[in-house]
Amino acid sequence: MRESVTNAVSELLGLFVEDRTFALAIALWIAVFAIVMHVTGGARDIAGPIFFLGFATILVASTIRAAS
């Protein structure tokens, strides 16, 4: 039983951390965005689109890197 749970957790983690650079970029983007929003008080009306554009940029860069 314990082995099957360990395997399941390992597989689940592998879904998100297969590409370490991608996972690190996502984590860094969230941290940087949160810090900037906290320090500046943030423009709440454009925060969502900026947050999305950061993720989209990371995804595009990761896709280009993987394709080459």
C-alpha atoms as a PDB file:
ATOM      1  CA  MET A   1       0.000   0.000   0.000  1.00  0.00           C
ATOM      2  CA  ARG A   2       2.735   2.437   0.977  1.00  0.00           C
ATOM      3  CA  GLU A   3       4.638   1.752  -2.244  1.00  0.00           C
ATOM      4  CA  SER A   4       1.594   2.479  -4.401  1.00  0.00           C
ATOM      5  CA  VAL A   5       1.009   5.793  -2.607  1.00  0.00           C
ATOM      6  CA  THR A   6       4.671   6.701  -3.076  1.00  0.00           C
ATOM      7  CA  ASN A   7       4.449   5.856  -6.783  1.00  0.00           C
ATOM      8  CA  ALA A   8       1.252   7.879  -7.171  1.00  0.00           C
ATOM      9  CA  VAL A   9       2.806  10.928  -5.497  1.00  0.00           C
ATOM     10  CA  SER A  10       5.934  10.535  -7.595  1.00  0.00           C
ATOM     11  CA  GLU A  11       3.882  10.372 -10.801  1.00  0.00           C
ATOM     12  CA  LEU A  12       1.807  13.388  -9.784  1.00  0.00           C
ATOM     13  CA  LEU A  13       4.903  15.415  -8.966  1.00  0.00           C
ATOM     14  CA  GLY A  14       6.448  14.332 -12.273  1.00  0.00           C
ATOM     15  CA  LEU A  15       3.545  15.925 -14.125  1.00  0.00           C
ATOM     16  CA  PHE A  16       4.516  19.326 -12.784  1.00  0.00           C
ATOM     17  CA  VAL A  17       8.269  19.099 -12.449  1.00  0.00           C
ATOM     18  CA  GLU A  18       9.283  17.184 -15.556  1.00  0.00           C
ATOM     19  CA  ASP A  19      10.812  20.364 -16.925  1.00  0.00           C
ATOM     20  CA  ARG A  20      12.639  21.923 -14.001  1.00  0.00           C
ATOM     21  CA  THR A  21      13.353  25.163 -15.846  1.00  0.00           C
ATOM     22  CA  PHE A  22       9.664  25.631 -16.602  1.00  0.00           C
ATOM     23  CA  ALA A  23       8.650  24.899 -13.004  1.00  0.00           C
ATOM     24  CA  LEU A  24      11.309  27.275 -11.669  1.00  0.00           C
ATOM     25  CA  ALA A  25      10.246  30.030 -14.071  1.00  0.00           C
ATOM     26  CA  ILE A  26       6.613  29.680 -12.968  1.00  0.00           C
ATOM     27  CA  ALA A  27       7.577  29.799  -9.281  1.00  0.00           C
ATOM     28  CA  LEU A  28       9.821  32.818  -9.825  1.00  0.00           C
ATOM     29  CA  TRP A  29       7.136  34.658 -11.807  1.00  0.00           C
ATOM     30  CA  ILE A  30       4.601  34.130  -9.014  1.00  0.00           C
ATOM     31  CA  ALA A  31       7.104  35.335  -6.394  1.00  0.00           C
ATOM     32  CA  VAL A  32       8.230  38.391  -8.369  1.00  0.00           C
ATOM     33  CA  PHE A  33       4.665  39.355  -9.248  1.00  0.00           C
ATOM     34  CA  ALA A  34       3.522  39.009  -5.625  1.00  0.00           C
ATOM     35  CA  ILE A  35       6.437  41.106  -4.344  1.00  0.00           C
ATOM     36  CA  VAL A  36       5.913  43.832  -6.943  1.00  0.00           C
ATOM     37  CA  MET A  37       2.174  43.952  -6.263  1.00  0.00           C
ATOM     38  CA  HIS A  38       2.797  44.158  -2.513  1.00  0.00           C
ATOM     39  CA  VAL A  39       5.482  46.854  -2.724  1.00  0.00           C
ATOM     40  CA  THR A  40       3.726  49.052  -5.268  1.00  0.00           C
ATOM     41  CA  GLY A  41       0.201  48.535  -4.059  1.00  0.00           C
ATOM     42  CA  GLY A  42      -0.510  47.257  -7.541  1.00  0.00           C
ATOM     43  CA  ALA A  43      -2.995  48.404 -10.116  1.00  0.00           C
ATOM     44  CA  ARG A  44      -5.681  45.832  -9.374  1.00  0.00           C
ATOM     45  CA  ASP A  45      -7.540  46.483 -12.632  1.00  0.00           C
ATOM     46  CA  ILE A  46      -4.600  45.359 -14.785  1.00  0.00           C
ATOM     47  CA  ALA A  47      -2.995  42.862 -12.403  1.00  0.00           C
ATOM     48  CA  GLY A  48      -4.842  39.881 -13.886  1.00  0.00           C
ATOM     49  CA  PRO A  49      -3.812  40.527 -17.495  1.00  0.00           C
ATOM     50  CA  ILE A  50      -0.200  41.186 -16.474  1.00  0.00           C
ATOM     51  CA  PHE A  51      -0.150  37.972 -14.426  1.00  0.00           C
ATOM     52  CA  PHE A  52      -1.548  36.053 -17.408  1.00  0.00           C
ATOM     53  CA  LEU A  53       0.930  37.599 -19.858  1.00  0.00           C
ATOM     54  CA  GLY A  54       3.797  36.519 -17.635  1.00  0.00           C
ATOM     55  CA  PHE A  55       2.565  32.922 -17.681  1.00  0.00           C
ATOM     56  CA  ALA A  56       1.933  33.062 -21.440  1.00  0.00           C
ATOM     57  CA  THR A  57       5.453  34.366 -22.034  1.00  0.00           C
ATOM     58  CA  ILE A  58       6.962  31.584 -19.925  1.00  0.00           C
ATOM     59  CA  LEU A  59       4.911  28.978 -21.799  1.00  0.00           C
ATOM     60  CA  VAL A  60       5.916  30.306 -25.222  1.00  0.00           C
ATOM     61  CA  ALA A  61       9.592  30.486 -24.230  1.00  0.00           C
ATOM     62  CA  SER A  62       9.472  26.943 -22.864  1.00  0.00           C
ATOM     63  CA  THR A  63       7.805  25.655 -26.024  1.00  0.00           C
ATOM     64  CA  ILE A  64      10.370  27.347 -28.259  1.00  0.00           C
ATOM     65  CA  ARG A  65      13.207  25.970 -26.126  1.00  0.00           C
ATOM     66  CA  ALA A  66      11.763  22.441 -26.262  1.00  0.00           C
ATOM     67  CA  ALA A  67      11.227  22.612 -30.035  1.00  0.00           C
ATOM     68  CA  SER A  68      14.827  23.535 -30.771  1.00  0.00           C
END
